[in-house]
């Protein structure tokens, strides 16, 4: 039987820049990691499609901004924030004139990255008999659930009940045994945490963490 390709690895995480070009500063890597995240979620099946589809939509918005007439201002996360905040292109109090601003779009991706970080960390450190449905629900409740209406929260938590055991989940990552998958997470999670912390700090400095 042909094995599915594993899309989550430290090579894809180490790629830099908005577009994933290698060698760029780690501070400019959020969409590269989220692109890898999306491919990884898709490889696990339909349970995570509600998140991966939203990530794809947000990444498409960022691709349009990076190839648009103001593309020079979207070469990095820092440049984007400086440009949009400085030119009042961000809806700070209510969603109105700039619903698809880069700052708002990346914030949604940033929150999804936090969920993934918490979930994979839970999988990495939990005992062998841990239930991934519980780990995933706890991670969701500590991150994305805050921003979703009740009906979505309910549907999502019900879907998580279909997740396999921790061992089966780790093996579905297609990097070898469950032990090898844990080793891969040991390498990958520091990249995720580093990028998350950079984005978190930048957004906090500009009071952008609660954009509508």
N, C-alpha and C. Protein backbone atom coordinates (compact mmCIF):
# COMPACT_ATOMS: atom_id res chain seq x y z
N UNK A 1 0.84 -1.20 0.00
CA UNK A 1 0.00 0.00 0.00
C UNK A 1 0.88 1.25 0.00
N UNK A 2 0.55 2.18 -0.85
CA UNK A 2 1.33 3.41 -0.94
C UNK A 2 1.03 4.31 0.25
N UNK A 3 2.08 4.79 0.89
CA UNK A 3 1.90 5.66 2.05
C UNK A 3 1.63 7.08 1.60
N UNK A 4 0.73 7.75 2.33
CA UNK A 4 0.48 9.15 2.05
C UNK A 4 1.69 9.97 2.45
N UNK A 5 1.90 11.04 1.75
CA UNK A 5 3.02 11.91 2.06
C UNK A 5 2.76 12.66 3.36
N UNK A 6 3.79 12.80 4.17
CA UNK A 6 3.67 13.60 5.38
C UNK A 6 3.97 15.06 5.04
N UNK A 7 3.03 15.96 5.35
CA UNK A 7 3.20 17.36 5.00
C UNK A 7 3.71 18.20 6.15
N UNK A 8 3.88 17.60 7.32
CA UNK A 8 4.29 18.40 8.47
C UNK A 8 5.69 17.99 8.86
N UNK A 9 6.66 18.80 8.56
CA UNK A 9 8.03 18.46 8.89
C UNK A 9 8.82 19.72 9.14
N UNK A 10 10.01 19.55 9.72
CA UNK A 10 10.80 20.72 10.08
C UNK A 10 11.37 21.43 8.87
N UNK A 11 11.46 20.76 7.73
CA UNK A 11 11.93 21.43 6.52
C UNK A 11 10.93 22.48 6.08
N UNK A 12 9.64 22.12 6.05
CA UNK A 12 8.63 23.09 5.65
C UNK A 12 8.50 24.19 6.68
N UNK A 13 8.70 23.87 7.95
CA UNK A 13 8.60 24.88 8.99
C UNK A 13 9.77 25.84 8.94
N UNK A 14 10.92 25.37 8.51
CA UNK A 14 12.10 26.22 8.51
C UNK A 14 12.12 27.18 7.34
N UNK A 15 11.26 26.97 6.34
CA UNK A 15 11.20 27.88 5.22
C UNK A 15 10.82 29.27 5.68
N UNK A 16 11.41 30.31 5.09
CA UNK A 16 11.17 31.66 5.58
C UNK A 16 10.25 32.44 4.68
N UNK A 17 9.94 33.66 5.11
CA UNK A 17 9.19 34.59 4.29
C UNK A 17 7.71 34.29 4.22
N UNK A 18 6.96 35.26 3.71
CA UNK A 18 5.53 35.03 3.50
C UNK A 18 5.32 33.87 2.54
N UNK A 19 6.17 33.77 1.53
CA UNK A 19 5.97 32.77 0.49
C UNK A 19 6.70 31.48 0.75
N UNK A 20 7.49 31.41 1.82
CA UNK A 20 8.19 30.18 2.14
C UNK A 20 9.59 30.11 1.60
N UNK A 21 10.13 31.22 1.08
CA UNK A 21 11.50 31.20 0.60
C UNK A 21 12.45 30.95 1.75
N UNK A 22 13.40 30.07 1.54
CA UNK A 22 14.31 29.71 2.62
C UNK A 22 15.30 30.83 2.86
N UNK A 23 15.76 30.95 4.13
CA UNK A 23 16.80 31.89 4.45
C UNK A 23 16.30 33.21 5.00
N UNK A 24 15.00 33.46 5.01
CA UNK A 24 14.48 34.72 5.52
C UNK A 24 14.41 34.69 7.03
N UNK A 25 14.20 35.86 7.62
CA UNK A 25 14.10 35.96 9.07
C UNK A 25 12.93 35.15 9.60
N UNK A 26 13.07 34.50 10.77
CA UNK A 26 11.95 33.76 11.36
C UNK A 26 10.74 34.64 11.61
N UNK A 27 10.96 35.95 11.73
CA UNK A 27 9.85 36.85 12.02
C UNK A 27 8.89 36.98 10.85
N UNK A 28 9.27 36.48 9.68
CA UNK A 28 8.41 36.64 8.50
C UNK A 28 7.81 35.32 8.04
N UNK A 29 7.69 34.33 8.92
CA UNK A 29 7.31 32.99 8.50
C UNK A 29 5.88 32.55 8.79
N UNK A 30 4.97 33.37 9.25
CA UNK A 30 3.68 32.83 9.69
C UNK A 30 2.90 32.10 8.62
N UNK A 31 2.81 32.64 7.40
CA UNK A 31 2.00 31.96 6.41
C UNK A 31 2.68 30.72 5.86
N UNK A 32 4.00 30.67 5.90
CA UNK A 32 4.71 29.45 5.50
C UNK A 32 4.31 28.30 6.42
N UNK A 33 4.35 28.55 7.72
CA UNK A 33 3.98 27.52 8.68
C UNK A 33 2.51 27.16 8.54
N UNK A 34 1.66 28.16 8.32
CA UNK A 34 0.23 27.87 8.20
C UNK A 34 -0.09 27.12 6.92
N UNK A 35 0.67 27.34 5.86
CA UNK A 35 0.49 26.55 4.65
C UNK A 35 0.82 25.09 4.93
N UNK A 36 1.91 24.87 5.68
CA UNK A 36 2.26 23.50 6.07
C UNK A 36 1.19 22.92 6.97
N UNK A 37 0.65 23.76 7.87
CA UNK A 37 -0.42 23.32 8.76
C UNK A 37 -1.62 22.85 7.96
N UNK A 38 -1.99 23.62 6.95
CA UNK A 38 -3.18 23.29 6.16
C UNK A 38 -3.00 21.97 5.43
N UNK A 39 -1.84 21.76 4.83
CA UNK A 39 -1.58 20.49 4.14
C UNK A 39 -1.60 19.33 5.12
N UNK A 40 -1.06 19.57 6.30
CA UNK A 40 -1.05 18.53 7.34
C UNK A 40 -2.47 18.17 7.76
N UNK A 41 -3.30 19.17 8.02
CA UNK A 41 -4.67 18.91 8.43
C UNK A 41 -5.44 18.17 7.35
N UNK A 42 -5.24 18.56 6.10
CA UNK A 42 -5.93 17.88 5.00
C UNK A 42 -5.52 16.42 4.91
N UNK A 43 -4.26 16.14 5.23
CA UNK A 43 -3.78 14.76 5.15
C UNK A 43 -4.41 13.88 6.22
N UNK A 44 -4.98 14.49 7.27
CA UNK A 44 -5.58 13.72 8.36
C UNK A 44 -7.05 13.42 8.13
N UNK A 45 -7.64 14.01 7.09
CA UNK A 45 -9.03 13.70 6.78
C UNK A 45 -9.97 14.86 6.99
N UNK A 46 -11.28 14.57 6.92
CA UNK A 46 -12.30 15.62 6.90
C UNK A 46 -12.60 16.22 8.26
N UNK A 47 -12.17 15.58 9.35
CA UNK A 47 -12.50 16.09 10.68
C UNK A 47 -11.98 17.51 10.87
N UNK A 48 -10.82 17.81 10.29
CA UNK A 48 -10.21 19.12 10.47
C UNK A 48 -10.49 20.06 9.31
N UNK A 49 -11.39 19.68 8.41
CA UNK A 49 -11.62 20.49 7.21
C UNK A 49 -12.19 21.86 7.54
N UNK A 50 -12.96 21.97 8.64
CA UNK A 50 -13.55 23.27 8.98
C UNK A 50 -12.46 24.30 9.29
N UNK A 51 -11.32 23.84 9.80
CA UNK A 51 -10.21 24.74 10.08
C UNK A 51 -9.37 24.95 8.83
N UNK A 52 -9.05 23.87 8.13
CA UNK A 52 -8.17 24.00 6.97
C UNK A 52 -8.81 24.84 5.87
N UNK A 53 -10.13 24.74 5.68
CA UNK A 53 -10.79 25.55 4.65
C UNK A 53 -10.71 27.03 4.99
N UNK A 54 -10.86 27.36 6.26
CA UNK A 54 -10.77 28.76 6.67
C UNK A 54 -9.34 29.27 6.50
N UNK A 55 -8.36 28.42 6.82
CA UNK A 55 -6.96 28.80 6.65
C UNK A 55 -6.67 29.06 5.17
N UNK A 56 -7.18 28.21 4.29
CA UNK A 56 -6.97 28.40 2.85
C UNK A 56 -7.53 29.74 2.40
N UNK A 57 -8.74 30.08 2.85
CA UNK A 57 -9.35 31.35 2.48
C UNK A 57 -8.49 32.53 2.92
N UNK A 58 -7.99 32.46 4.15
CA UNK A 58 -7.17 33.55 4.67
C UNK A 58 -5.83 33.64 3.93
N UNK A 59 -5.25 32.50 3.59
CA UNK A 59 -3.99 32.52 2.85
C UNK A 59 -4.18 33.10 1.45
N UNK A 60 -5.33 32.86 0.85
CA UNK A 60 -5.62 33.43 -0.46
C UNK A 60 -5.71 34.95 -0.39
N UNK A 61 -6.30 35.46 0.69
CA UNK A 61 -6.36 36.91 0.88
C UNK A 61 -4.95 37.49 0.97
N UNK A 62 -4.08 36.81 1.73
CA UNK A 62 -2.72 37.30 1.88
C UNK A 62 -1.95 37.21 0.56
N UNK A 63 -2.20 36.18 -0.23
CA UNK A 63 -1.55 36.07 -1.54
C UNK A 63 -1.94 37.24 -2.43
N UNK A 64 -3.21 37.63 -2.37
CA UNK A 64 -3.68 38.76 -3.18
C UNK A 64 -3.01 40.06 -2.75
N UNK A 65 -2.86 40.25 -1.45
CA UNK A 65 -2.20 41.46 -0.95
C UNK A 65 -0.73 41.48 -1.34
N UNK A 66 -0.09 40.32 -1.30
CA UNK A 66 1.34 40.26 -1.61
C UNK A 66 1.63 40.42 -3.10
N UNK A 67 0.62 40.23 -3.92
CA UNK A 67 0.81 40.39 -5.36
C UNK A 67 0.08 41.63 -5.90
N UNK A 68 -0.52 42.42 -5.01
CA UNK A 68 -1.28 43.60 -5.41
C UNK A 68 -0.43 44.83 -5.60
N UNK A 69 -1.07 45.98 -5.84
CA UNK A 69 -0.33 47.22 -6.11
C UNK A 69 0.51 47.72 -4.94
N UNK A 70 0.19 47.29 -3.71
CA UNK A 70 0.96 47.70 -2.54
C UNK A 70 1.81 46.55 -2.00
N UNK A 71 2.22 45.67 -2.88
CA UNK A 71 2.89 44.45 -2.45
C UNK A 71 4.17 44.70 -1.66
N UNK A 72 4.83 45.83 -1.89
CA UNK A 72 6.07 46.09 -1.16
C UNK A 72 5.83 46.23 0.34
N UNK A 73 4.59 46.54 0.72
CA UNK A 73 4.27 46.70 2.13
C UNK A 73 3.89 45.37 2.79
N UNK A 74 3.90 44.29 2.02
CA UNK A 74 3.51 42.98 2.54
C UNK A 74 4.64 41.96 2.41
N UNK A 75 5.87 42.48 2.43
CA UNK A 75 7.03 41.60 2.33
C UNK A 75 7.32 40.89 3.65
N UNK A 76 6.81 41.42 4.75
CA UNK A 76 7.00 40.79 6.05
C UNK A 76 5.84 41.19 6.96
N UNK A 77 5.72 40.49 8.06
CA UNK A 77 4.67 40.79 9.03
C UNK A 77 4.84 42.19 9.60
N UNK A 78 6.07 42.54 9.92
CA UNK A 78 6.34 43.85 10.51
C UNK A 78 6.01 44.98 9.53
N UNK A 79 6.39 44.80 8.27
CA UNK A 79 6.12 45.82 7.26
C UNK A 79 4.61 45.99 7.06
N UNK A 80 3.88 44.89 7.06
CA UNK A 80 2.43 44.95 6.87
C UNK A 80 1.77 45.72 8.01
N UNK A 81 2.13 45.39 9.25
CA UNK A 81 1.53 46.06 10.40
C UNK A 81 1.84 47.55 10.36
N UNK A 82 3.08 47.91 10.09
CA UNK A 82 3.46 49.32 10.04
C UNK A 82 2.68 50.07 8.97
N UNK A 83 2.53 49.47 7.81
CA UNK A 83 1.82 50.11 6.70
C UNK A 83 0.33 50.26 6.99
N UNK A 84 -0.32 49.19 7.40
CA UNK A 84 -1.77 49.25 7.59
C UNK A 84 -2.16 50.10 8.80
N UNK A 85 -1.43 49.99 9.88
CA UNK A 85 -1.73 50.81 11.06
C UNK A 85 -1.43 52.28 10.76
N UNK A 86 -0.31 52.54 10.11
CA UNK A 86 0.08 53.91 9.81
C UNK A 86 -0.85 54.61 8.85
N UNK A 87 -1.53 53.84 7.99
CA UNK A 87 -2.44 54.42 7.00
C UNK A 87 -3.91 54.17 7.33
N UNK A 88 -4.18 53.77 8.57
CA UNK A 88 -5.54 53.55 9.06
C UNK A 88 -6.33 52.60 8.15
N UNK A 89 -5.68 51.49 7.81
CA UNK A 89 -6.30 50.49 6.95
C UNK A 89 -6.80 49.29 7.75
N UNK A 90 -6.91 49.46 9.06
CA UNK A 90 -7.36 48.38 9.95
C UNK A 90 -8.59 48.85 10.71
N UNK A 91 -9.63 48.02 10.73
CA UNK A 91 -10.82 48.32 11.54
C UNK A 91 -10.52 47.94 12.98
N UNK A 92 -10.33 48.93 13.83
CA UNK A 92 -9.90 48.67 15.20
C UNK A 92 -11.05 48.38 16.15
N UNK A 93 -12.22 48.96 15.92
CA UNK A 93 -13.33 48.82 16.86
C UNK A 93 -14.49 48.00 16.32
N UNK A 94 -14.77 48.11 15.06
CA UNK A 94 -15.83 47.30 14.46
C UNK A 94 -15.50 47.05 13.00
N UNK A 95 -15.94 45.91 12.50
CA UNK A 95 -15.65 45.53 11.13
C UNK A 95 -16.47 46.39 10.18
N UNK A 96 -15.80 47.17 9.34
CA UNK A 96 -16.53 48.05 8.44
C UNK A 96 -15.82 48.21 7.10
N UNK A 97 -14.93 49.20 7.00
CA UNK A 97 -14.34 49.53 5.70
C UNK A 97 -13.24 48.57 5.25
N UNK A 98 -12.60 47.88 6.19
CA UNK A 98 -11.45 47.04 5.84
C UNK A 98 -11.61 45.63 6.40
N UNK A 99 -12.64 44.90 5.96
CA UNK A 99 -12.89 43.57 6.53
C UNK A 99 -11.81 42.55 6.20
N UNK A 100 -11.09 42.78 5.10
CA UNK A 100 -10.05 41.83 4.69
C UNK A 100 -8.66 42.45 4.76
N UNK A 101 -8.45 43.29 5.75
CA UNK A 101 -7.11 43.85 5.93
C UNK A 101 -6.12 42.74 6.26
N UNK A 102 -4.86 42.99 5.94
CA UNK A 102 -3.85 41.99 6.24
C UNK A 102 -3.74 41.71 7.73
N UNK A 103 -3.84 42.77 8.54
CA UNK A 103 -3.73 42.59 9.99
C UNK A 103 -4.84 41.70 10.54
N UNK A 104 -6.06 41.93 10.08
CA UNK A 104 -7.18 41.12 10.55
C UNK A 104 -7.04 39.68 10.06
N UNK A 105 -6.64 39.52 8.82
CA UNK A 105 -6.51 38.18 8.24
C UNK A 105 -5.44 37.37 8.96
N UNK A 106 -4.28 37.98 9.19
CA UNK A 106 -3.20 37.27 9.87
C UNK A 106 -3.57 36.96 11.31
N UNK A 107 -4.36 37.83 11.94
CA UNK A 107 -4.80 37.56 13.31
C UNK A 107 -5.61 36.27 13.36
N UNK A 108 -6.47 36.06 12.37
CA UNK A 108 -7.25 34.81 12.33
C UNK A 108 -6.34 33.60 12.13
N UNK A 109 -5.32 33.76 11.30
CA UNK A 109 -4.35 32.69 11.11
C UNK A 109 -3.54 32.46 12.39
N UNK A 110 -3.23 33.53 13.05
CA UNK A 110 -2.48 33.47 14.31
C UNK A 110 -3.26 32.67 15.36
N UNK A 111 -4.55 32.87 15.43
CA UNK A 111 -5.38 32.13 16.38
C UNK A 111 -5.44 30.65 16.02
N UNK A 112 -5.52 30.35 14.73
CA UNK A 112 -5.53 28.95 14.30
C UNK A 112 -4.20 28.28 14.63
N UNK A 113 -3.13 29.03 14.50
CA UNK A 113 -1.81 28.49 14.83
C UNK A 113 -1.72 28.17 16.32
N UNK A 114 -2.35 28.99 17.15
CA UNK A 114 -2.36 28.74 18.58
C UNK A 114 -3.08 27.43 18.90
N UNK A 115 -4.21 27.20 18.23
CA UNK A 115 -4.93 25.94 18.44
C UNK A 115 -4.05 24.75 18.07
N UNK A 116 -3.40 24.85 16.91
CA UNK A 116 -2.56 23.74 16.47
C UNK A 116 -1.42 23.50 17.44
N UNK A 117 -0.81 24.58 17.90
CA UNK A 117 0.29 24.46 18.86
C UNK A 117 -0.15 23.73 20.12
N UNK A 118 -1.28 24.15 20.68
CA UNK A 118 -1.78 23.53 21.91
C UNK A 118 -2.14 22.07 21.70
N UNK A 119 -2.78 21.78 20.57
CA UNK A 119 -3.20 20.40 20.30
C UNK A 119 -2.01 19.47 20.13
N UNK A 120 -1.06 19.87 19.29
CA UNK A 120 0.09 19.01 19.04
C UNK A 120 0.97 18.87 20.29
N UNK A 121 1.05 19.92 21.08
CA UNK A 121 1.79 19.83 22.34
C UNK A 121 1.11 18.83 23.28
N UNK A 122 -0.23 18.86 23.30
CA UNK A 122 -0.96 17.90 24.11
C UNK A 122 -0.73 16.48 23.64
N UNK A 123 -0.75 16.28 22.33
CA UNK A 123 -0.49 14.95 21.77
C UNK A 123 0.93 14.49 22.11
N UNK A 124 1.87 15.40 22.01
CA UNK A 124 3.28 15.06 22.25
C UNK A 124 3.53 14.62 23.68
N UNK A 125 2.91 15.30 24.64
CA UNK A 125 3.24 15.07 26.05
C UNK A 125 2.27 14.14 26.77
N UNK A 126 1.19 13.74 26.13
CA UNK A 126 0.18 12.92 26.80
C UNK A 126 0.60 11.46 26.85
N UNK A 127 0.02 10.69 27.78
CA UNK A 127 0.31 9.25 27.85
C UNK A 127 -0.26 8.51 26.65
N UNK A 128 0.19 7.29 26.45
CA UNK A 128 -0.17 6.53 25.26
C UNK A 128 -1.67 6.29 25.15
N UNK A 129 -2.36 6.17 26.28
CA UNK A 129 -3.79 5.87 26.24
C UNK A 129 -4.66 7.14 26.25
N UNK A 130 -4.05 8.30 26.04
CA UNK A 130 -4.81 9.55 26.04
C UNK A 130 -5.77 9.59 24.85
N UNK A 131 -6.89 10.26 25.04
CA UNK A 131 -7.89 10.40 23.98
C UNK A 131 -7.64 11.70 23.23
N UNK A 132 -7.34 11.57 21.94
CA UNK A 132 -7.07 12.78 21.15
C UNK A 132 -8.31 13.65 21.03
N UNK A 133 -9.49 13.06 21.14
CA UNK A 133 -10.72 13.87 21.09
C UNK A 133 -10.76 14.85 22.25
N UNK A 134 -10.32 14.40 23.42
CA UNK A 134 -10.28 15.28 24.60
C UNK A 134 -9.19 16.32 24.44
N UNK A 135 -8.01 15.90 23.97
CA UNK A 135 -6.91 16.83 23.76
C UNK A 135 -7.29 17.92 22.77
N UNK A 136 -7.94 17.51 21.69
CA UNK A 136 -8.31 18.46 20.65
C UNK A 136 -9.39 19.43 21.15
N UNK A 137 -10.36 18.90 21.88
CA UNK A 137 -11.43 19.74 22.42
C UNK A 137 -10.87 20.74 23.43
N UNK A 138 -9.99 20.29 24.30
CA UNK A 138 -9.39 21.19 25.29
C UNK A 138 -8.59 22.30 24.60
N UNK A 139 -7.85 21.94 23.56
CA UNK A 139 -7.06 22.93 22.83
C UNK A 139 -7.95 23.92 22.11
N UNK A 140 -9.03 23.41 21.54
CA UNK A 140 -9.99 24.28 20.84
C UNK A 140 -10.65 25.24 21.81
N UNK A 141 -11.07 24.73 22.96
CA UNK A 141 -11.74 25.58 23.96
C UNK A 141 -10.81 26.65 24.50
N UNK A 142 -9.51 26.37 24.50
CA UNK A 142 -8.53 27.34 25.02
C UNK A 142 -8.06 28.32 23.95
N UNK A 143 -8.57 28.19 22.73
CA UNK A 143 -8.09 29.07 21.66
C UNK A 143 -9.23 29.53 20.76
N UNK A 144 -9.54 28.77 19.72
CA UNK A 144 -10.50 29.21 18.71
C UNK A 144 -11.93 29.33 19.19
N UNK A 145 -12.32 28.53 20.17
CA UNK A 145 -13.72 28.52 20.62
C UNK A 145 -14.17 29.90 21.08
N UNK A 146 -13.26 30.68 21.62
CA UNK A 146 -13.60 32.02 22.12
C UNK A 146 -14.18 32.89 21.02
N UNK A 147 -13.80 32.62 19.78
CA UNK A 147 -14.18 33.49 18.66
C UNK A 147 -15.26 32.89 17.77
N UNK A 148 -15.80 31.73 18.15
CA UNK A 148 -16.82 31.07 17.34
C UNK A 148 -18.18 31.12 18.04
N UNK A 149 -19.27 31.26 17.29
CA UNK A 149 -20.61 31.20 17.89
C UNK A 149 -20.91 29.80 18.40
N UNK A 150 -21.93 29.70 19.24
CA UNK A 150 -22.25 28.44 19.91
C UNK A 150 -22.47 27.31 18.92
N UNK A 151 -23.18 27.55 17.83
CA UNK A 151 -23.53 26.47 16.91
C UNK A 151 -22.29 25.86 16.27
N UNK A 152 -21.28 26.69 15.98
CA UNK A 152 -20.03 26.17 15.43
C UNK A 152 -19.26 25.41 16.50
N UNK A 153 -19.22 25.96 17.71
CA UNK A 153 -18.52 25.26 18.80
C UNK A 153 -19.11 23.88 19.03
N UNK A 154 -20.42 23.80 19.00
CA UNK A 154 -21.09 22.52 19.21
C UNK A 154 -20.76 21.52 18.11
N UNK A 155 -20.85 21.97 16.86
CA UNK A 155 -20.57 21.08 15.73
C UNK A 155 -19.12 20.60 15.75
N UNK A 156 -18.23 21.49 16.09
CA UNK A 156 -16.81 21.15 16.10
C UNK A 156 -16.49 20.12 17.18
N UNK A 157 -16.99 20.34 18.38
CA UNK A 157 -16.68 19.41 19.47
C UNK A 157 -17.30 18.03 19.22
N UNK A 158 -18.45 17.99 18.56
CA UNK A 158 -19.04 16.70 18.20
C UNK A 158 -18.15 15.99 17.17
N UNK A 159 -17.64 16.75 16.20
CA UNK A 159 -16.78 16.16 15.17
C UNK A 159 -15.50 15.60 15.78
N UNK A 160 -14.97 16.26 16.80
CA UNK A 160 -13.74 15.80 17.43
C UNK A 160 -13.90 14.42 18.07
N UNK A 161 -15.11 14.05 18.39
CA UNK A 161 -15.35 12.74 19.02
C UNK A 161 -14.96 11.59 18.10
N UNK A 162 -14.85 11.88 16.80
CA UNK A 162 -14.50 10.83 15.84
C UNK A 162 -12.99 10.63 15.71
N UNK A 163 -12.21 11.42 16.43
CA UNK A 163 -10.76 11.28 16.34
C UNK A 163 -10.31 9.92 16.88
N UNK A 164 -9.26 9.36 16.30
CA UNK A 164 -8.78 8.05 16.74
C UNK A 164 -7.98 8.15 18.03
N UNK A 165 -7.49 7.03 18.49
CA UNK A 165 -6.64 7.02 19.68
C UNK A 165 -5.34 7.76 19.39
N UNK A 166 -4.63 8.11 20.44
CA UNK A 166 -3.37 8.83 20.27
C UNK A 166 -2.40 8.06 19.39
N UNK A 167 -2.27 6.76 19.61
CA UNK A 167 -1.33 5.94 18.84
C UNK A 167 -1.69 5.95 17.35
N UNK A 168 -2.96 5.75 17.05
CA UNK A 168 -3.40 5.75 15.65
C UNK A 168 -3.21 7.13 15.03
N UNK A 169 -3.51 8.17 15.81
CA UNK A 169 -3.34 9.53 15.30
C UNK A 169 -1.89 9.80 14.94
N UNK A 170 -0.97 9.43 15.83
CA UNK A 170 0.45 9.65 15.57
C UNK A 170 0.92 8.87 14.35
N UNK A 171 0.43 7.65 14.20
CA UNK A 171 0.82 6.85 13.05
C UNK A 171 0.25 7.42 11.76
N UNK A 172 -0.90 8.10 11.85
CA UNK A 172 -1.51 8.69 10.65
C UNK A 172 -0.70 9.87 10.12
N UNK A 173 0.26 10.35 10.91
CA UNK A 173 1.12 11.44 10.45
C UNK A 173 2.14 10.96 9.44
N UNK A 174 2.26 9.63 9.30
CA UNK A 174 3.09 9.03 8.25
C UNK A 174 4.56 9.42 8.31
N UNK A 175 5.10 9.42 9.52
CA UNK A 175 6.54 9.62 9.67
C UNK A 175 7.19 8.40 10.31
N UNK A 176 6.43 7.31 10.40
CA UNK A 176 6.93 6.09 11.00
C UNK A 176 6.07 5.68 12.17
N UNK A 177 6.71 5.17 13.20
CA UNK A 177 6.01 4.72 14.40
C UNK A 177 5.51 5.92 15.20
N UNK A 178 4.69 5.64 16.21
CA UNK A 178 4.21 6.73 17.07
C UNK A 178 5.38 7.40 17.79
N UNK A 179 6.40 6.61 18.14
CA UNK A 179 7.57 7.19 18.80
C UNK A 179 8.31 8.15 17.86
N UNK A 180 8.41 7.78 16.58
CA UNK A 180 9.06 8.66 15.61
C UNK A 180 8.25 9.93 15.38
N UNK A 181 6.92 9.79 15.42
CA UNK A 181 6.07 10.97 15.26
C UNK A 181 6.27 11.94 16.42
N UNK A 182 6.41 11.40 17.63
CA UNK A 182 6.66 12.26 18.80
C UNK A 182 8.00 12.97 18.65
N UNK A 183 9.01 12.26 18.14
CA UNK A 183 10.31 12.89 17.91
C UNK A 183 10.20 14.03 16.90
N UNK A 184 9.39 13.83 15.86
CA UNK A 184 9.19 14.88 14.87
C UNK A 184 8.52 16.09 15.50
N UNK A 185 7.53 15.85 16.38
CA UNK A 185 6.86 16.95 17.07
C UNK A 185 7.83 17.69 17.98
N UNK A 186 8.76 16.95 18.58
CA UNK A 186 9.78 17.59 19.42
C UNK A 186 10.58 18.62 18.63
N UNK A 187 10.78 18.34 17.34
CA UNK A 187 11.53 19.25 16.48
C UNK A 187 10.64 20.36 15.93
N UNK A 188 9.40 20.02 15.58
CA UNK A 188 8.53 20.98 14.89
C UNK A 188 7.93 22.03 15.83
N UNK A 189 7.55 21.63 17.02
CA UNK A 189 6.82 22.54 17.91
C UNK A 189 7.61 23.79 18.30
N UNK A 190 8.93 23.72 18.51
CA UNK A 190 9.65 24.97 18.79
C UNK A 190 9.53 26.00 17.67
N UNK A 191 9.48 25.55 16.41
CA UNK A 191 9.29 26.48 15.29
C UNK A 191 7.93 27.17 15.41
N UNK A 192 6.90 26.37 15.68
CA UNK A 192 5.55 26.91 15.79
C UNK A 192 5.48 27.92 16.94
N UNK A 193 6.03 27.54 18.08
CA UNK A 193 5.99 28.42 19.25
C UNK A 193 6.74 29.72 18.98
N UNK A 194 7.88 29.63 18.31
CA UNK A 194 8.68 30.82 18.04
C UNK A 194 7.92 31.80 17.15
N UNK A 195 7.32 31.30 16.08
CA UNK A 195 6.58 32.17 15.18
C UNK A 195 5.35 32.74 15.87
N UNK A 196 4.66 31.92 16.65
CA UNK A 196 3.49 32.40 17.38
C UNK A 196 3.88 33.53 18.33
N UNK A 197 4.97 33.37 19.05
CA UNK A 197 5.38 34.38 20.03
C UNK A 197 5.77 35.69 19.36
N UNK A 198 6.41 35.61 18.19
CA UNK A 198 6.77 36.83 17.46
C UNK A 198 5.52 37.59 17.04
N UNK A 199 4.56 36.87 16.47
CA UNK A 199 3.31 37.51 16.04
C UNK A 199 2.55 38.06 17.24
N UNK A 200 2.50 37.29 18.32
CA UNK A 200 1.79 37.71 19.53
C UNK A 200 2.38 39.01 20.07
N UNK A 201 3.68 39.09 20.14
CA UNK A 201 4.36 40.28 20.67
C UNK A 201 4.10 41.49 19.78
N UNK A 202 4.22 41.31 18.47
CA UNK A 202 4.01 42.42 17.54
C UNK A 202 2.58 42.94 17.61
N UNK A 203 1.62 42.03 17.63
CA UNK A 203 0.21 42.44 17.69
C UNK A 203 -0.12 43.09 19.04
N UNK A 204 0.47 42.60 20.11
CA UNK A 204 0.23 43.20 21.42
C UNK A 204 0.79 44.62 21.47
N UNK A 205 1.94 44.83 20.88
CA UNK A 205 2.56 46.16 20.88
C UNK A 205 1.70 47.18 20.16
N UNK A 206 0.93 46.73 19.17
CA UNK A 206 0.09 47.64 18.39
C UNK A 206 -1.39 47.53 18.76
N UNK A 207 -1.69 46.83 19.86
CA UNK A 207 -3.07 46.67 20.34
C UNK A 207 -3.98 46.10 19.25
N UNK A 208 -3.52 45.02 18.60
CA UNK A 208 -4.26 44.42 17.49
C UNK A 208 -4.81 43.03 17.81
N UNK A 209 -4.67 42.58 19.03
CA UNK A 209 -5.06 41.21 19.35
C UNK A 209 -6.57 41.00 19.43
N UNK A 210 -7.34 42.07 19.51
CA UNK A 210 -8.79 41.95 19.63
C UNK A 210 -9.52 42.61 18.47
N UNK A 211 -8.93 42.57 17.29
CA UNK A 211 -9.59 43.17 16.13
C UNK A 211 -10.92 42.49 15.86
N UNK A 212 -11.96 43.26 15.49
CA UNK A 212 -13.28 42.66 15.22
C UNK A 212 -13.27 41.81 13.96
